[in-house]
N, C-alpha and C. Protein backbone atom coordinates (compact mmCIF):
# COMPACT_ATOMS: atom_id res chain seq x y z
N MET A 1 -16.63 -26.69 33.98
CA MET A 1 -16.33 -26.93 32.85
C MET A 1 -16.85 -25.66 31.78
N ASN A 2 -17.81 -25.28 32.41
CA ASN A 2 -18.45 -23.84 31.59
C ASN A 2 -17.57 -22.67 31.48
N LEU A 3 -16.65 -22.66 32.79
CA LEU A 3 -15.78 -21.53 32.77
C LEU A 3 -14.66 -21.78 31.57
N GLY A 4 -14.06 -22.82 31.42
CA GLY A 4 -13.07 -23.30 30.73
C GLY A 4 -13.50 -23.16 29.18
N LEU A 5 -14.95 -23.45 28.95
CA LEU A 5 -15.42 -23.19 27.59
C LEU A 5 -15.49 -21.75 27.10
N ALA A 6 -16.03 -20.89 28.16
CA ALA A 6 -15.99 -19.58 27.94
C ALA A 6 -14.76 -18.98 27.72
N ILE A 7 -13.64 -19.38 28.24
CA ILE A 7 -12.57 -18.63 28.08
C ILE A 7 -12.00 -19.14 26.69
N LEU A 8 -11.88 -20.35 26.55
CA LEU A 8 -11.64 -20.85 25.07
C LEU A 8 -12.33 -20.20 23.86
N LEU A 9 -13.75 -19.81 24.12
CA LEU A 9 -14.38 -19.07 23.10
C LEU A 9 -13.90 -17.59 23.01
N ILE A 10 -13.69 -17.17 24.24
CA ILE A 10 -13.06 -15.62 23.97
C ILE A 10 -11.57 -15.55 23.44
N VAL A 11 -10.87 -16.65 23.70
CA VAL A 11 -9.60 -16.34 23.09
C VAL A 11 -9.76 -16.95 21.43
N LEU A 12 -10.51 -17.76 21.06
CA LEU A 12 -10.72 -17.88 19.73
C LEU A 12 -11.37 -16.73 18.96
N ALA A 13 -12.10 -16.18 19.73
CA ALA A 13 -13.01 -14.83 19.12
C ALA A 13 -12.02 -13.75 18.99
N LEU A 14 -11.18 -13.79 19.96
CA LEU A 14 -9.96 -12.52 19.78
C LEU A 14 -8.94 -12.82 18.68
N ILE A 15 -8.62 -14.12 18.66
CA ILE A 15 -7.59 -14.39 17.59
C ILE A 15 -8.32 -14.16 16.15
N ALA A 16 -9.46 -14.54 16.11
CA ALA A 16 -10.32 -14.51 14.54
C ALA A 16 -10.34 -13.20 14.40
N GLY A 17 -10.73 -12.27 15.45
CA GLY A 17 -10.96 -10.83 15.06
C GLY A 17 -9.71 -9.99 14.97
N LEU A 18 -8.57 -10.49 15.46
CA LEU A 18 -7.08 -10.10 15.13
C LEU A 18 -6.91 -10.41 13.60
N VAL A 19 -7.01 -11.55 13.16
CA VAL A 19 -6.78 -12.16 11.83
C VAL A 19 -7.47 -11.54 10.80
N GLY A 20 -8.87 -11.33 11.09
CA GLY A 20 -9.72 -10.66 10.06
C GLY A 20 -9.53 -9.15 10.03
N GLY A 21 -9.22 -8.71 11.12
CA GLY A 21 -8.82 -7.07 11.13
C GLY A 21 -7.39 -6.91 10.23
N PHE A 22 -6.57 -7.73 10.60
CA PHE A 22 -5.31 -7.70 9.72
C PHE A 22 -5.72 -7.78 8.14
N PHE A 23 -6.31 -8.66 7.66
CA PHE A 23 -6.63 -8.95 6.38
C PHE A 23 -7.47 -7.85 5.82
N ILE A 24 -8.47 -7.46 6.58
CA ILE A 24 -9.34 -6.13 6.07
C ILE A 24 -8.40 -4.80 5.94
N SER A 25 -7.78 -4.33 6.94
CA SER A 25 -6.84 -3.36 6.78
C SER A 25 -5.90 -3.54 5.87
N ARG A 26 -5.34 -4.97 5.61
CA ARG A 26 -4.16 -4.94 4.37
C ARG A 26 -5.05 -4.48 3.02
N LYS A 27 -6.07 -5.10 2.77
CA LYS A 27 -6.70 -5.01 1.77
C LYS A 27 -7.35 -3.19 1.46
N TYR A 28 -7.61 -2.63 2.51
CA TYR A 28 -7.96 -1.39 2.36
C TYR A 28 -6.66 -0.33 1.98
N MET A 29 -5.63 -0.81 2.66
CA MET A 29 -4.51 0.06 2.47
C MET A 29 -4.18 -0.29 1.01
N MET A 30 -4.02 -1.32 0.31
CA MET A 30 -3.56 -1.66 -0.97
C MET A 30 -4.33 -1.01 -1.91
N ASP A 31 -5.82 -0.96 -1.70
CA ASP A 31 -6.74 -0.20 -2.59
C ASP A 31 -6.49 1.42 -2.45
N TYR A 32 -6.05 1.99 -1.27
CA TYR A 32 -6.05 3.14 -1.03
C TYR A 32 -4.54 3.60 -1.92
N PHE A 33 -3.58 2.92 -1.63
CA PHE A 33 -2.29 3.32 -2.42
C PHE A 33 -2.43 3.13 -3.99
N GLU A 34 -3.31 2.17 -4.28
CA GLU A 34 -3.40 2.01 -5.71
C GLU A 34 -4.33 3.39 -6.27
N LYS A 35 -5.12 3.72 -5.55
CA LYS A 35 -6.09 5.01 -5.91
C LYS A 35 -4.97 6.20 -5.77
N ASN A 36 -4.39 6.23 -4.66
CA ASN A 36 -3.58 7.59 -4.39
C ASN A 36 -2.09 7.22 -4.20
N PRO A 37 -1.64 7.06 -5.45
CA PRO A 37 0.09 6.83 -5.34
C PRO A 37 0.70 7.72 -4.28
N PRO A 38 1.63 7.20 -3.57
CA PRO A 38 2.55 7.96 -2.62
C PRO A 38 3.25 9.10 -3.53
N VAL A 39 3.62 8.83 -4.70
CA VAL A 39 4.78 9.60 -5.61
C VAL A 39 3.97 10.13 -6.57
N ASN A 40 4.00 11.78 -6.74
CA ASN A 40 2.93 12.20 -8.03
C ASN A 40 4.04 13.23 -8.82
N GLU A 41 3.63 13.76 -9.72
CA GLU A 41 4.67 14.45 -10.60
C GLU A 41 5.24 15.69 -9.89
N ASP A 42 4.42 16.37 -9.08
CA ASP A 42 5.15 17.42 -8.26
C ASP A 42 6.26 17.10 -7.19
N MET A 43 6.08 15.79 -6.82
CA MET A 43 7.10 15.46 -5.94
C MET A 43 8.29 14.96 -6.67
N LEU A 44 8.05 14.46 -8.00
CA LEU A 44 9.16 13.97 -8.78
C LEU A 44 10.02 15.10 -9.01
N ARG A 45 9.15 16.40 -9.74
CA ARG A 45 9.91 17.62 -9.96
C ARG A 45 10.58 18.12 -8.68
N MET A 46 10.23 18.16 -7.57
CA MET A 46 11.04 18.84 -6.37
C MET A 46 12.27 17.82 -6.12
N MET A 47 12.11 16.47 -6.42
CA MET A 47 13.22 15.76 -6.05
C MET A 47 14.37 15.96 -7.00
N MET A 48 13.98 16.19 -8.21
CA MET A 48 14.83 16.21 -9.39
C MET A 48 15.47 17.74 -9.21
N MET A 49 14.81 18.70 -8.79
CA MET A 49 15.25 20.15 -8.75
C MET A 49 16.19 20.10 -7.36
N GLN A 50 16.10 19.20 -6.40
CA GLN A 50 16.83 19.02 -5.20
C GLN A 50 18.15 18.46 -5.56
N MET A 51 18.36 17.54 -6.51
CA MET A 51 19.16 16.74 -7.03
C MET A 51 20.05 17.50 -7.99
N GLY A 52 19.79 18.86 -8.43
CA GLY A 52 20.51 19.57 -9.21
C GLY A 52 20.13 19.43 -10.76
N GLN A 53 18.88 18.58 -11.04
CA GLN A 53 18.71 18.67 -12.53
C GLN A 53 17.30 19.49 -12.79
N LYS A 54 17.47 19.84 -14.29
CA LYS A 54 16.25 20.39 -14.43
C LYS A 54 15.23 19.56 -15.12
N PRO A 55 13.85 19.21 -14.45
CA PRO A 55 13.04 18.52 -14.76
C PRO A 55 12.17 18.91 -16.18
N SER A 56 12.30 17.88 -17.20
CA SER A 56 11.80 18.31 -18.31
C SER A 56 10.43 17.70 -18.08
N GLU A 57 9.30 18.08 -18.82
CA GLU A 57 7.85 17.36 -18.65
C GLU A 57 8.04 15.87 -19.48
N LYS A 58 8.76 15.75 -20.27
CA LYS A 58 8.90 14.44 -21.03
C LYS A 58 9.65 13.45 -20.13
N LYS A 59 10.57 13.87 -19.34
CA LYS A 59 11.36 13.21 -18.24
C LYS A 59 10.47 12.72 -17.20
N ILE A 60 9.82 13.77 -16.64
CA ILE A 60 8.67 13.49 -15.62
C ILE A 60 7.73 12.33 -16.11
N LYS A 61 7.19 12.65 -17.33
CA LYS A 61 6.15 11.53 -17.89
C LYS A 61 6.82 10.26 -17.88
N GLN A 62 8.01 10.01 -18.32
CA GLN A 62 8.75 8.85 -18.51
C GLN A 62 8.76 8.22 -17.19
N MET A 63 9.08 8.79 -16.20
CA MET A 63 9.43 8.26 -14.75
C MET A 63 8.08 8.00 -14.26
N MET A 64 6.98 8.79 -14.45
CA MET A 64 5.65 8.27 -13.97
C MET A 64 5.31 6.88 -14.53
N ALA A 65 5.46 7.09 -15.78
CA ALA A 65 5.07 5.64 -16.83
C ALA A 65 5.73 4.59 -16.17
N SER A 66 7.13 4.67 -15.89
CA SER A 66 7.85 3.39 -15.55
C SER A 66 7.41 3.05 -14.28
N MET A 67 7.20 4.15 -13.29
CA MET A 67 6.51 3.63 -11.74
C MET A 67 5.26 2.89 -12.14
N LYS A 68 4.42 3.29 -12.98
CA LYS A 68 3.27 2.82 -13.05
C LYS A 68 3.18 1.24 -13.43
N VAL A 69 4.17 0.84 -14.52
CA VAL A 69 4.27 -0.10 -15.08
C VAL A 69 5.32 -1.27 -13.98
N GLN A 70 5.89 -0.62 -13.26
CA GLN A 70 6.56 -1.51 -12.01
C GLN A 70 5.43 -1.78 -11.22
N SER A 71 4.65 -0.85 -10.77
CA SER A 71 3.67 -1.30 -9.64
C SER A 71 2.41 -2.53 -10.33
N GLU A 72 2.37 -2.37 -11.51
CA GLU A 72 1.40 -3.32 -12.05
C GLU A 72 1.91 -4.69 -12.44
N LYS A 73 3.36 -4.72 -12.39
CA LYS A 73 4.19 -5.81 -12.47
C LYS A 73 3.97 -6.61 -11.31
N LYS A 74 4.06 -5.82 -10.13
CA LYS A 74 4.14 -6.07 -8.72
C LYS A 74 2.78 -6.73 -8.44
N ASN A 75 1.80 -5.94 -8.94
CA ASN A 75 0.42 -6.46 -8.33
C ASN A 75 0.00 -7.95 -9.23
N LYS A 76 0.51 -7.96 -10.13
CA LYS A 76 0.34 -9.14 -11.13
C LYS A 76 0.76 -10.40 -10.30
N LYS A 77 2.09 -10.23 -9.81
CA LYS A 77 2.62 -11.40 -9.11
C LYS A 77 2.02 -11.90 -8.10
N LYS A 78 1.34 -10.95 -7.12
CA LYS A 78 0.38 -11.41 -6.08
C LYS A 78 -0.74 -12.18 -6.36
């Protein structure tokens, strides 16, 4: 009976560790991407130039603002 109980406890600890690790890493990545967004103004400029557009500062600021608003709406839904 002791062997069965030991195996059960090991399996439960493994499952709890996996679930806890998943949620901790998910929270860490969400905070990281909130502080360090994957797209910045320089990237937008490069993308616009590659598409054949001449990026104006006003257009860059508008795009960054719209991305920020969209990100905030997405976070509020959660």
